[in-house]
Each structure stands twice: as C-alpha cells, then as structure tokens.
Amino acid sequence: MHSRPGIWIAVLAAAGLAGPLAAQTAEELQGPFKRWLDEDVAYIITGEEREAYVQLTADAEREHFIESFWMRRDPTPDSSANEYKEEHYRRIAYANDRFAARIPGWKTVRGRTYITRGPPDEIESHPSGGQYRRPSREGGGFTANHPFEVWRYRGAEGDMFLEFEDPAMTGEYRLRMSSSGQ
C-alpha cells in the first residue's frame, strides 16, 4: 500500500502537524531522528519524503511521519506485524554482519544492493580470486582475478548478474559489472 509521498505535507498541514516549511535541513536533525533518515531508510526514502521529513519541527511530528512511512509500505495493514519494516531491518542487520569491511556493511555496495534488492537467487563466490572462466554472456575466455562474487537475480524480463570485486583485498567489494541475460 503506497501512497504518493507528495501528499504528506498536505496531510500534515490538514492535521495541524506541519510546522514552518523552511524549518530545518537534514544536517540539523539530531539523535535517533537523524539516524533514522541517514541510516535506517537512506536507500528507500523518496526525495519528496526526505524533504517533507526535514521540514518537520517537532519530535512528535517526526514520530508520526515515521509511523506513517512504515504504514504506507505495509503489505498487510490489517495484521499486527509490518512485514516490510521487519524485512528491511533484517536486511540491514544481515548486511552489517556479512558485508562490513572498514565501514559498516549497510554502507558497502554489496550491503546497499542486498538491502534494496534482497537476497540474490544465486551467489557464485570466489573469495580467493584465481583463474576464472567467463561465461559467454560475459564474453567468454579466462581471466585472473582478485576475490569476487557474482550475484544472480532472476526476473520476469530475464536475469540480472551483478559482479562485485575486491581489488585491494580489504573485504570492501565494489561493483565491477552488471549485465542482463536471457
């Protein structure tokens, strides 16, 4: 259940919850409200929602906004659980546990991919690198490599392959290649 985020400012105003529209910037937010915006929902909040959120002036307004944010994304609003929210935070925890390097896992490319796309359907992992035979969809042939992983996401319009590499061998992978296959 997704509503248009542009309606949010009008809803706040109608409910008497909107403060002055030029109130704050994201940098002026503090504590858990800043963390929620800059970390928890950094990859899933729309620009319009972000703009509306930073314009709020009171903690009660922010709490109401956060509650409504999750309610709009709840696939089963009549149930007591919000499966979307639970899955989102599970993905963040997994990314932090699995993909942390010199930075928290949620900030890494693999972490962001996992959080926004979910678990891949397949992972081909080469943690030591070495000789690798490229499939024909990647041009074929052999290559020597640093550690890398290929994630496959199956979709109705074909499969997507994301290749992550760790050239510095620090555990901080970067996206090397993205391709679609049929």
N, C-alpha and C. Protein backbone atom coordinates (compact mmCIF):
# COMPACT_ATOMS: atom_id res chain seq x y z
N MET A 1 0.85 -1.17 0.00
CA MET A 1 0.00 0.00 0.00
C MET A 1 0.89 1.23 0.00
N HIS A 2 1.06 1.85 -1.15
CA HIS A 2 1.92 3.02 -1.27
C HIS A 2 1.07 4.23 -1.62
N SER A 3 1.19 5.26 -0.84
CA SER A 3 0.51 6.49 -1.20
C SER A 3 1.56 7.43 -1.78
N ARG A 4 1.10 8.44 -2.46
CA ARG A 4 2.03 9.39 -3.03
C ARG A 4 2.63 10.23 -1.92
N PRO A 5 3.98 10.26 -1.82
CA PRO A 5 4.62 10.98 -0.74
C PRO A 5 4.37 12.48 -0.79
N GLY A 6 4.06 13.05 -1.96
CA GLY A 6 3.80 14.48 -2.07
C GLY A 6 2.60 14.91 -1.27
N ILE A 7 1.72 14.00 -1.00
CA ILE A 7 0.52 14.29 -0.24
C ILE A 7 0.87 14.50 1.24
N TRP A 8 2.02 13.99 1.65
CA TRP A 8 2.39 14.02 3.06
C TRP A 8 2.36 15.42 3.66
N ILE A 9 2.92 16.41 2.97
CA ILE A 9 2.94 17.77 3.51
C ILE A 9 1.51 18.28 3.69
N ALA A 10 0.65 18.02 2.72
CA ALA A 10 -0.75 18.46 2.81
C ALA A 10 -1.46 17.77 3.97
N VAL A 11 -1.17 16.48 4.15
CA VAL A 11 -1.79 15.73 5.25
C VAL A 11 -1.35 16.31 6.59
N LEU A 12 -0.06 16.60 6.72
CA LEU A 12 0.43 17.20 7.96
C LEU A 12 -0.23 18.54 8.23
N ALA A 13 -0.33 19.37 7.19
CA ALA A 13 -0.94 20.68 7.37
C ALA A 13 -2.40 20.56 7.78
N ALA A 14 -3.13 19.64 7.12
CA ALA A 14 -4.55 19.46 7.44
C ALA A 14 -4.74 18.95 8.86
N ALA A 15 -3.79 18.16 9.34
CA ALA A 15 -3.88 17.62 10.69
C ALA A 15 -3.34 18.59 11.73
N GLY A 16 -2.83 19.73 11.27
CA GLY A 16 -2.26 20.70 12.20
C GLY A 16 -0.92 20.29 12.73
N LEU A 17 -0.22 19.40 12.02
CA LEU A 17 1.06 18.92 12.49
C LEU A 17 2.25 19.52 11.76
N ALA A 18 2.03 20.29 10.73
CA ALA A 18 3.14 20.84 9.96
C ALA A 18 3.61 22.15 10.57
N GLY A 19 4.89 22.22 10.80
CA GLY A 19 5.49 23.45 11.29
C GLY A 19 5.84 24.33 10.11
N PRO A 20 6.63 25.39 10.33
CA PRO A 20 7.06 26.24 9.22
C PRO A 20 7.81 25.40 8.20
N LEU A 21 7.53 25.58 6.91
CA LEU A 21 8.10 24.73 5.88
C LEU A 21 9.59 24.93 5.67
N ALA A 22 10.18 25.99 6.10
CA ALA A 22 11.61 26.19 5.92
C ALA A 22 12.37 25.86 7.20
N ALA A 23 11.87 24.96 7.98
CA ALA A 23 12.37 24.71 9.32
C ALA A 23 13.82 24.26 9.42
N GLN A 24 14.18 23.13 8.85
CA GLN A 24 15.50 22.56 9.07
C GLN A 24 16.06 21.94 7.82
N THR A 25 17.33 21.62 7.93
CA THR A 25 17.96 20.78 6.91
C THR A 25 18.26 19.45 7.57
N ALA A 26 18.59 18.45 6.79
CA ALA A 26 18.91 17.14 7.34
C ALA A 26 20.09 17.22 8.29
N GLU A 27 21.01 18.13 8.05
CA GLU A 27 22.19 18.27 8.90
C GLU A 27 21.84 18.76 10.31
N GLU A 28 20.71 19.46 10.45
CA GLU A 28 20.32 19.98 11.75
C GLU A 28 19.57 18.97 12.60
N LEU A 29 19.14 17.86 12.01
CA LEU A 29 18.47 16.83 12.80
C LEU A 29 19.45 16.23 13.79
N GLN A 30 18.93 15.69 14.87
CA GLN A 30 19.77 15.14 15.93
C GLN A 30 19.34 13.73 16.30
N GLY A 31 20.24 12.98 16.90
CA GLY A 31 19.95 11.70 17.52
C GLY A 31 19.24 10.69 16.65
N PRO A 32 18.24 10.02 17.24
CA PRO A 32 17.58 8.93 16.52
C PRO A 32 16.83 9.39 15.27
N PHE A 33 16.41 10.63 15.22
CA PHE A 33 15.70 11.12 14.03
C PHE A 33 16.67 11.29 12.86
N LYS A 34 17.87 11.72 13.14
CA LYS A 34 18.90 11.84 12.10
C LYS A 34 19.34 10.45 11.66
N ARG A 35 19.54 9.55 12.63
CA ARG A 35 19.96 8.19 12.30
C ARG A 35 18.91 7.47 11.45
N TRP A 36 17.63 7.66 11.79
CA TRP A 36 16.56 7.04 11.01
C TRP A 36 16.64 7.49 9.56
N LEU A 37 16.84 8.79 9.34
CA LEU A 37 16.87 9.34 7.99
C LEU A 37 18.14 8.96 7.25
N ASP A 38 19.28 9.12 7.88
CA ASP A 38 20.57 8.95 7.21
C ASP A 38 21.07 7.51 7.15
N GLU A 39 20.52 6.65 8.00
CA GLU A 39 20.98 5.27 8.01
C GLU A 39 19.85 4.28 7.75
N ASP A 40 18.84 4.30 8.61
CA ASP A 40 17.79 3.28 8.55
C ASP A 40 17.07 3.25 7.20
N VAL A 41 16.68 4.40 6.69
CA VAL A 41 15.88 4.43 5.46
C VAL A 41 16.60 5.16 4.32
N ALA A 42 17.89 5.32 4.44
CA ALA A 42 18.65 6.09 3.44
C ALA A 42 18.42 5.62 2.02
N TYR A 43 18.25 4.33 1.81
CA TYR A 43 18.12 3.78 0.46
C TYR A 43 16.68 3.62 -0.01
N ILE A 44 15.72 3.79 0.88
CA ILE A 44 14.33 3.53 0.48
C ILE A 44 13.42 4.75 0.57
N ILE A 45 13.86 5.81 1.20
CA ILE A 45 13.02 7.00 1.31
C ILE A 45 13.10 7.78 -0.01
N THR A 46 11.97 8.29 -0.45
CA THR A 46 11.96 9.08 -1.68
C THR A 46 12.48 10.48 -1.39
N GLY A 47 12.89 11.18 -2.42
CA GLY A 47 13.34 12.56 -2.24
C GLY A 47 12.26 13.46 -1.68
N GLU A 48 11.05 13.24 -2.12
CA GLU A 48 9.92 14.04 -1.65
C GLU A 48 9.64 13.76 -0.16
N GLU A 49 9.71 12.48 0.23
CA GLU A 49 9.51 12.14 1.64
C GLU A 49 10.63 12.73 2.49
N ARG A 50 11.85 12.66 2.01
CA ARG A 50 13.00 13.20 2.74
C ARG A 50 12.83 14.70 2.96
N GLU A 51 12.42 15.39 1.91
CA GLU A 51 12.21 16.83 2.00
C GLU A 51 11.13 17.16 3.03
N ALA A 52 10.04 16.42 3.01
CA ALA A 52 8.96 16.66 3.97
C ALA A 52 9.44 16.39 5.39
N TYR A 53 10.20 15.33 5.57
CA TYR A 53 10.68 14.94 6.91
C TYR A 53 11.59 16.02 7.51
N VAL A 54 12.54 16.53 6.73
CA VAL A 54 13.47 17.51 7.29
C VAL A 54 12.80 18.84 7.58
N GLN A 55 11.62 19.07 7.02
CA GLN A 55 10.91 20.31 7.29
C GLN A 55 10.11 20.25 8.58
N LEU A 56 9.97 19.09 9.16
CA LEU A 56 9.22 18.96 10.41
C LEU A 56 10.01 19.60 11.54
N THR A 57 9.31 20.20 12.50
CA THR A 57 9.99 20.96 13.56
C THR A 57 9.89 20.33 14.94
N ALA A 58 9.01 19.37 15.13
CA ALA A 58 8.82 18.79 16.46
C ALA A 58 9.01 17.28 16.41
N ASP A 59 9.50 16.74 17.50
CA ASP A 59 9.72 15.29 17.58
C ASP A 59 8.42 14.52 17.39
N ALA A 60 7.32 15.02 17.90
CA ALA A 60 6.03 14.34 17.73
C ALA A 60 5.66 14.25 16.25
N GLU A 61 5.95 15.30 15.49
CA GLU A 61 5.70 15.28 14.04
C GLU A 61 6.57 14.21 13.37
N ARG A 62 7.83 14.16 13.78
CA ARG A 62 8.75 13.17 13.19
C ARG A 62 8.31 11.75 13.53
N GLU A 63 7.89 11.53 14.76
CA GLU A 63 7.42 10.20 15.16
C GLU A 63 6.19 9.80 14.34
N HIS A 64 5.28 10.73 14.15
CA HIS A 64 4.08 10.47 13.35
C HIS A 64 4.47 10.17 11.90
N PHE A 65 5.41 10.94 11.37
CA PHE A 65 5.87 10.73 10.00
C PHE A 65 6.46 9.32 9.85
N ILE A 66 7.33 8.93 10.78
CA ILE A 66 7.97 7.62 10.72
C ILE A 66 6.92 6.51 10.78
N GLU A 67 5.97 6.64 11.66
CA GLU A 67 4.89 5.65 11.76
C GLU A 67 4.13 5.55 10.44
N SER A 68 3.79 6.70 9.87
CA SER A 68 3.06 6.72 8.58
C SER A 68 3.92 6.18 7.45
N PHE A 69 5.20 6.48 7.48
CA PHE A 69 6.14 5.98 6.46
C PHE A 69 6.08 4.46 6.38
N TRP A 70 6.16 3.82 7.54
CA TRP A 70 6.12 2.35 7.55
C TRP A 70 4.73 1.83 7.21
N MET A 71 3.68 2.50 7.67
CA MET A 71 2.32 2.06 7.38
C MET A 71 2.04 2.07 5.88
N ARG A 72 2.55 3.08 5.16
CA ARG A 72 2.34 3.16 3.71
C ARG A 72 2.99 1.99 2.98
N ARG A 73 3.98 1.39 3.56
CA ARG A 73 4.71 0.30 2.91
C ARG A 73 4.29 -1.09 3.41
N ASP A 74 3.40 -1.12 4.38
CA ASP A 74 2.97 -2.39 4.98
C ASP A 74 2.12 -3.18 3.98
N PRO A 75 2.58 -4.37 3.58
CA PRO A 75 1.82 -5.16 2.60
C PRO A 75 0.54 -5.75 3.18
N THR A 76 0.46 -5.88 4.50
CA THR A 76 -0.73 -6.43 5.16
C THR A 76 -1.12 -5.52 6.32
N PRO A 77 -1.72 -4.38 6.03
CA PRO A 77 -2.02 -3.40 7.09
C PRO A 77 -2.98 -3.90 8.15
N ASP A 78 -3.73 -4.95 7.87
CA ASP A 78 -4.67 -5.46 8.86
C ASP A 78 -4.02 -6.40 9.87
N SER A 79 -2.77 -6.78 9.63
CA SER A 79 -2.08 -7.66 10.58
C SER A 79 -1.33 -6.82 11.61
N SER A 80 -0.92 -7.45 12.69
CA SER A 80 -0.21 -6.71 13.75
C SER A 80 1.24 -6.45 13.38
N ALA A 81 1.79 -7.22 12.45
CA ALA A 81 3.20 -7.06 12.06
C ALA A 81 3.29 -6.26 10.77
N ASN A 82 4.37 -5.54 10.61
CA ASN A 82 4.66 -4.86 9.35
C ASN A 82 5.82 -5.63 8.72
N GLU A 83 5.48 -6.53 7.82
CA GLU A 83 6.46 -7.42 7.21
C GLU A 83 7.53 -6.65 6.42
N TYR A 84 7.14 -5.57 5.78
CA TYR A 84 8.09 -4.77 5.02
C TYR A 84 9.15 -4.19 5.96
N LYS A 85 8.71 -3.60 7.04
CA LYS A 85 9.63 -2.98 8.00
C LYS A 85 10.53 -4.04 8.62
N GLU A 86 9.96 -5.17 9.02
CA GLU A 86 10.75 -6.25 9.62
C GLU A 86 11.80 -6.76 8.64
N GLU A 87 11.41 -6.96 7.39
CA GLU A 87 12.36 -7.44 6.37
C GLU A 87 13.44 -6.40 6.11
N HIS A 88 13.08 -5.14 6.09
CA HIS A 88 14.06 -4.08 5.86
C HIS A 88 15.14 -4.09 6.95
N TYR A 89 14.72 -4.14 8.20
CA TYR A 89 15.70 -4.14 9.29
C TYR A 89 16.48 -5.46 9.35
N ARG A 90 15.86 -6.56 8.93
CA ARG A 90 16.60 -7.83 8.86
C ARG A 90 17.71 -7.73 7.81
N ARG A 91 17.40 -7.10 6.68
CA ARG A 91 18.41 -6.93 5.63
C ARG A 91 19.55 -6.04 6.09
N ILE A 92 19.25 -4.98 6.81
CA ILE A 92 20.30 -4.11 7.34
C ILE A 92 21.20 -4.90 8.29
N ALA A 93 20.60 -5.68 9.19
CA ALA A 93 21.38 -6.47 10.14
C ALA A 93 22.26 -7.48 9.40
N TYR A 94 21.70 -8.13 8.39
CA TYR A 94 22.47 -9.10 7.61
C TYR A 94 23.63 -8.41 6.89
N ALA A 95 23.35 -7.25 6.28
CA ALA A 95 24.40 -6.51 5.58
C ALA A 95 25.51 -6.11 6.54
N ASN A 96 25.15 -5.65 7.73
CA ASN A 96 26.16 -5.26 8.71
C ASN A 96 26.98 -6.46 9.17
N ASP A 97 26.34 -7.59 9.31
CA ASP A 97 27.03 -8.80 9.75
C ASP A 97 27.91 -9.39 8.65
N ARG A 98 27.42 -9.39 7.44
CA ARG A 98 28.07 -10.11 6.34
C ARG A 98 29.02 -9.27 5.50
N PHE A 99 28.74 -7.96 5.34
CA PHE A 99 29.49 -7.18 4.37
C PHE A 99 30.35 -6.07 4.97
N ALA A 100 30.45 -5.99 6.29
CA ALA A 100 31.27 -4.95 6.90
C ALA A 100 32.73 -5.15 6.51
N ALA A 101 33.40 -4.04 6.27
CA ALA A 101 34.83 -4.05 5.98
C ALA A 101 35.44 -2.96 6.86
N ARG A 102 35.95 -1.93 6.24
CA ARG A 102 36.42 -0.78 7.02
C ARG A 102 35.26 0.14 7.35
N ILE A 103 34.12 -0.14 6.77
CA ILE A 103 32.91 0.65 7.01
C ILE A 103 31.78 -0.32 7.35
N PRO A 104 30.70 0.17 7.98
CA PRO A 104 29.58 -0.73 8.29
C PRO A 104 29.03 -1.37 7.02
N GLY A 105 28.55 -2.58 7.14
CA GLY A 105 28.06 -3.34 6.00
C GLY A 105 26.96 -2.66 5.21
N TRP A 106 26.08 -1.90 5.88
CA TRP A 106 24.98 -1.26 5.16
C TRP A 106 25.48 -0.17 4.22
N LYS A 107 26.71 0.34 4.45
CA LYS A 107 27.26 1.39 3.60
C LYS A 107 28.02 0.85 2.40
N THR A 108 28.28 -0.45 2.36
CA THR A 108 29.03 -1.03 1.26
C THR A 108 28.13 -1.23 0.04
N VAL A 109 28.74 -1.44 -1.10
CA VAL A 109 27.96 -1.65 -2.33
C VAL A 109 27.15 -2.94 -2.23
N ARG A 110 27.76 -4.00 -1.72
CA ARG A 110 27.00 -5.25 -1.57
C ARG A 110 25.89 -5.07 -0.54
N GLY A 111 26.16 -4.34 0.54
CA GLY A 111 25.14 -4.09 1.55
C GLY A 111 23.96 -3.32 0.98
N ARG A 112 24.26 -2.26 0.25
CA ARG A 112 23.18 -1.47 -0.36
C ARG A 112 22.36 -2.32 -1.33
N THR A 113 23.06 -3.13 -2.13
CA THR A 113 22.37 -4.00 -3.08
C THR A 113 21.48 -4.98 -2.35
N TYR A 114 22.00 -5.59 -1.30
CA TYR A 114 21.23 -6.56 -0.53
C TYR A 114 20.00 -5.91 0.11
N ILE A 115 20.19 -4.72 0.67
CA ILE A 115 19.09 -4.02 1.34
C ILE A 115 18.00 -3.64 0.34
N THR A 116 18.39 -3.14 -0.83
CA THR A 116 17.39 -2.65 -1.78
C THR A 116 16.80 -3.75 -2.67
N ARG A 117 17.58 -4.78 -2.98
CA ARG A 117 17.09 -5.84 -3.87
C ARG A 117 16.74 -7.13 -3.16
N GLY A 118 17.25 -7.30 -1.95
CA GLY A 118 17.03 -8.54 -1.24
C GLY A 118 18.10 -9.56 -1.57
N PRO A 119 17.96 -10.75 -1.01
CA PRO A 119 18.98 -11.77 -1.27
C PRO A 119 18.95 -12.20 -2.74
N PRO A 120 20.14 -12.39 -3.33
CA PRO A 120 20.16 -12.86 -4.71
C PRO A 120 19.66 -14.30 -4.79
N ASP A 121 19.22 -14.68 -5.97
CA ASP A 121 18.77 -16.06 -6.18
C ASP A 121 19.95 -17.02 -6.17
N GLU A 122 21.09 -16.55 -6.60
CA GLU A 122 22.31 -17.36 -6.60
C GLU A 122 23.51 -16.46 -6.33
N ILE A 123 24.51 -17.01 -5.66
CA ILE A 123 25.78 -16.32 -5.47
C ILE A 123 26.88 -17.27 -5.89
N GLU A 124 27.71 -16.80 -6.80
CA GLU A 124 28.92 -17.54 -7.18
C GLU A 124 30.07 -16.80 -6.49
N SER A 125 30.69 -17.43 -5.52
CA SER A 125 31.68 -16.75 -4.70
C SER A 125 33.08 -17.29 -4.98
N HIS A 126 34.02 -16.36 -5.12
CA HIS A 126 35.43 -16.69 -5.33
C HIS A 126 36.24 -15.85 -4.34
N PRO A 127 36.22 -16.23 -3.06
CA PRO A 127 36.87 -15.39 -2.04
C PRO A 127 38.38 -15.30 -2.15
N SER A 128 39.00 -16.23 -2.90
CA SER A 128 40.46 -16.18 -3.08
C SER A 128 40.84 -15.69 -4.46
N GLY A 129 39.88 -15.38 -5.29
CA GLY A 129 40.17 -14.95 -6.66
C GLY A 129 40.65 -16.14 -7.48
N GLY A 130 41.69 -15.93 -8.27
CA GLY A 130 42.26 -17.01 -9.05
C GLY A 130 41.77 -17.01 -10.48
N GLN A 131 42.02 -18.13 -11.16
CA GLN A 131 41.63 -18.30 -12.56
C GLN A 131 40.11 -18.44 -12.66
N TYR A 132 39.54 -17.75 -13.60
CA TYR A 132 38.08 -17.76 -13.74
C TYR A 132 37.74 -17.83 -15.22
N ARG A 133 36.87 -18.77 -15.57
CA ARG A 133 36.37 -18.88 -16.95
C ARG A 133 35.08 -18.09 -17.05
N ARG A 134 35.10 -17.06 -17.88
CA ARG A 134 33.93 -16.21 -18.06
C ARG A 134 32.89 -16.91 -18.92
N PRO A 135 31.61 -16.83 -18.49
CA PRO A 135 30.55 -17.39 -19.34
C PRO A 135 30.42 -16.56 -20.62
N SER A 136 29.78 -17.13 -21.61
CA SER A 136 29.64 -16.45 -22.91
C SER A 136 28.93 -15.12 -22.77
N ARG A 137 27.99 -15.00 -21.82
CA ARG A 137 27.28 -13.72 -21.64
C ARG A 137 28.24 -12.61 -21.22
N GLU A 138 29.43 -13.00 -20.69
CA GLU A 138 30.44 -12.02 -20.28
C GLU A 138 31.59 -11.96 -21.28
N GLY A 139 31.43 -12.58 -22.43
CA GLY A 139 32.46 -12.51 -23.46
C GLY A 139 33.36 -13.72 -23.54
N GLY A 140 33.20 -14.67 -22.63
CA GLY A 140 33.99 -15.89 -22.64
C GLY A 140 35.45 -15.66 -22.26
N GLY A 141 36.24 -16.70 -22.39
CA GLY A 141 37.67 -16.63 -22.09
C GLY A 141 37.97 -16.81 -20.61
N PHE A 142 39.25 -16.68 -20.28
CA PHE A 142 39.72 -16.84 -18.91
C PHE A 142 40.30 -15.51 -18.42
N THR A 143 40.25 -15.34 -17.15
CA THR A 143 40.85 -14.16 -16.54
C THR A 143 41.36 -14.53 -15.15
N ALA A 144 42.42 -13.85 -14.73
CA ALA A 144 42.90 -13.99 -13.36
C ALA A 144 42.26 -12.86 -12.56
N ASN A 145 41.90 -13.14 -11.34
CA ASN A 145 41.10 -12.18 -10.60
C ASN A 145 41.50 -12.08 -9.14
N HIS A 146 41.06 -10.97 -8.55
CA HIS A 146 41.08 -10.83 -7.10
C HIS A 146 39.79 -11.47 -6.60
N PRO A 147 39.58 -11.47 -5.30
CA PRO A 147 38.32 -12.01 -4.79
C PRO A 147 37.13 -11.33 -5.47
N PHE A 148 36.12 -12.13 -5.79
CA PHE A 148 34.92 -11.56 -6.41
C PHE A 148 33.73 -12.47 -6.17
N GLU A 149 32.54 -11.90 -6.39
CA GLU A 149 31.28 -12.62 -6.31
C GLU A 149 30.41 -12.20 -7.47
N VAL A 150 29.63 -13.14 -7.97
CA VAL A 150 28.63 -12.84 -8.98
C VAL A 150 27.27 -13.16 -8.37
N TRP A 151 26.41 -12.15 -8.30
CA TRP A 151 25.06 -12.33 -7.76
C TRP A 151 24.10 -12.39 -8.94
N ARG A 152 23.20 -13.35 -8.87
CA ARG A 152 22.19 -13.50 -9.92
C ARG A 152 20.80 -13.25 -9.32
N TYR A 153 20.07 -12.36 -9.98
CA TYR A 153 18.68 -12.11 -9.63
C TYR A 153 17.83 -12.53 -10.83
N ARG A 154 16.91 -13.43 -10.59
CA ARG A 154 16.00 -13.86 -11.65
C ARG A 154 14.84 -12.89 -11.73
N GLY A 155 14.41 -12.60 -12.94
CA GLY A 155 13.29 -11.68 -13.12
C GLY A 155 12.45 -12.07 -14.31
N ALA A 156 11.28 -11.52 -14.39
CA ALA A 156 10.35 -11.83 -15.48
C ALA A 156 10.91 -11.40 -16.83
N GLU A 157 11.74 -10.38 -16.85
CA GLU A 157 12.31 -9.88 -18.10
C GLU A 157 13.72 -10.40 -18.33
N GLY A 158 14.09 -11.45 -17.65
CA GLY A 158 15.44 -12.00 -17.77
C GLY A 158 16.20 -11.88 -16.47
N ASP A 159 17.34 -12.50 -16.45
CA ASP A 159 18.16 -12.50 -15.24
C ASP A 159 19.11 -11.30 -15.23
N MET A 160 19.43 -10.84 -14.03
CA MET A 160 20.41 -9.78 -13.85
C MET A 160 21.59 -10.37 -13.09
N PHE A 161 22.78 -10.08 -13.56
CA PHE A 161 24.01 -10.53 -12.91
C PHE A 161 24.78 -9.31 -12.44
N LEU A 162 25.15 -9.30 -11.17
CA LEU A 162 25.96 -8.23 -10.61
C LEU A 162 27.28 -8.85 -10.15
N GLU A 163 28.38 -8.29 -10.62
CA GLU A 163 29.69 -8.82 -10.26
C GLU A 163 30.40 -7.82 -9.36
N PHE A 164 30.78 -8.28 -8.19
CA PHE A 164 31.47 -7.46 -7.21
C PHE A 164 32.91 -7.96 -7.09
N GLU A 165 33.86 -7.04 -6.98
CA GLU A 165 35.25 -7.44 -6.84
C GLU A 165 35.89 -6.71 -5.66
N ASP A 166 36.97 -7.30 -5.18
CA ASP A 166 37.73 -6.73 -4.07
C ASP A 166 39.19 -6.59 -4.50
N PRO A 167 39.49 -5.59 -5.35
CA PRO A 167 40.85 -5.48 -5.89
C PRO A 167 41.91 -5.16 -4.84
N ALA A 168 41.54 -4.48 -3.76
CA ALA A 168 42.50 -4.14 -2.72
C ALA A 168 42.63 -5.25 -1.68
N MET A 169 41.77 -6.26 -1.80
CA MET A 169 41.74 -7.40 -0.87
C MET A 169 41.55 -6.94 0.58
N THR A 170 40.61 -6.00 0.75
CA THR A 170 40.29 -5.47 2.08
C THR A 170 38.94 -5.95 2.59
N GLY A 171 38.20 -6.69 1.74
CA GLY A 171 36.85 -7.10 2.10
C GLY A 171 35.81 -6.09 1.68
N GLU A 172 36.26 -4.97 1.12
CA GLU A 172 35.34 -3.92 0.68
C GLU A 172 35.16 -4.04 -0.84
N TYR A 173 34.18 -4.84 -1.22
CA TYR A 173 33.93 -5.12 -2.63
C TYR A 173 33.31 -3.90 -3.30
N ARG A 174 33.53 -3.81 -4.60
CA ARG A 174 32.89 -2.77 -5.41
C ARG A 174 32.21 -3.44 -6.60
N LEU A 175 31.25 -2.74 -7.17
CA LEU A 175 30.55 -3.29 -8.33
C LEU A 175 31.46 -3.17 -9.54
N ARG A 176 31.75 -4.31 -10.16
CA ARG A 176 32.60 -4.31 -11.34
C ARG A 176 31.77 -4.33 -12.62
N MET A 177 30.69 -5.09 -12.59
CA MET A 177 29.94 -5.26 -13.82
C MET A 177 28.50 -5.65 -13.49
N SER A 178 27.61 -5.16 -14.31
CA SER A 178 26.21 -5.53 -14.22
C SER A 178 25.76 -5.92 -15.61
N SER A 179 25.09 -7.04 -15.73
CA SER A 179 24.61 -7.45 -17.05
C SER A 179 23.29 -8.16 -16.91
N SER A 180 22.54 -8.15 -17.98
CA SER A 180 21.28 -8.87 -18.03
C SER A 180 21.43 -10.00 -19.01
N GLY A 181 20.85 -11.13 -18.68
CA GLY A 181 20.87 -12.29 -19.56
C GLY A 181 19.47 -12.73 -19.87
N GLN A 182 19.33 -13.54 -20.86
CA GLN A 182 18.01 -14.05 -21.23
C GLN A 182 17.88 -15.50 -20.87
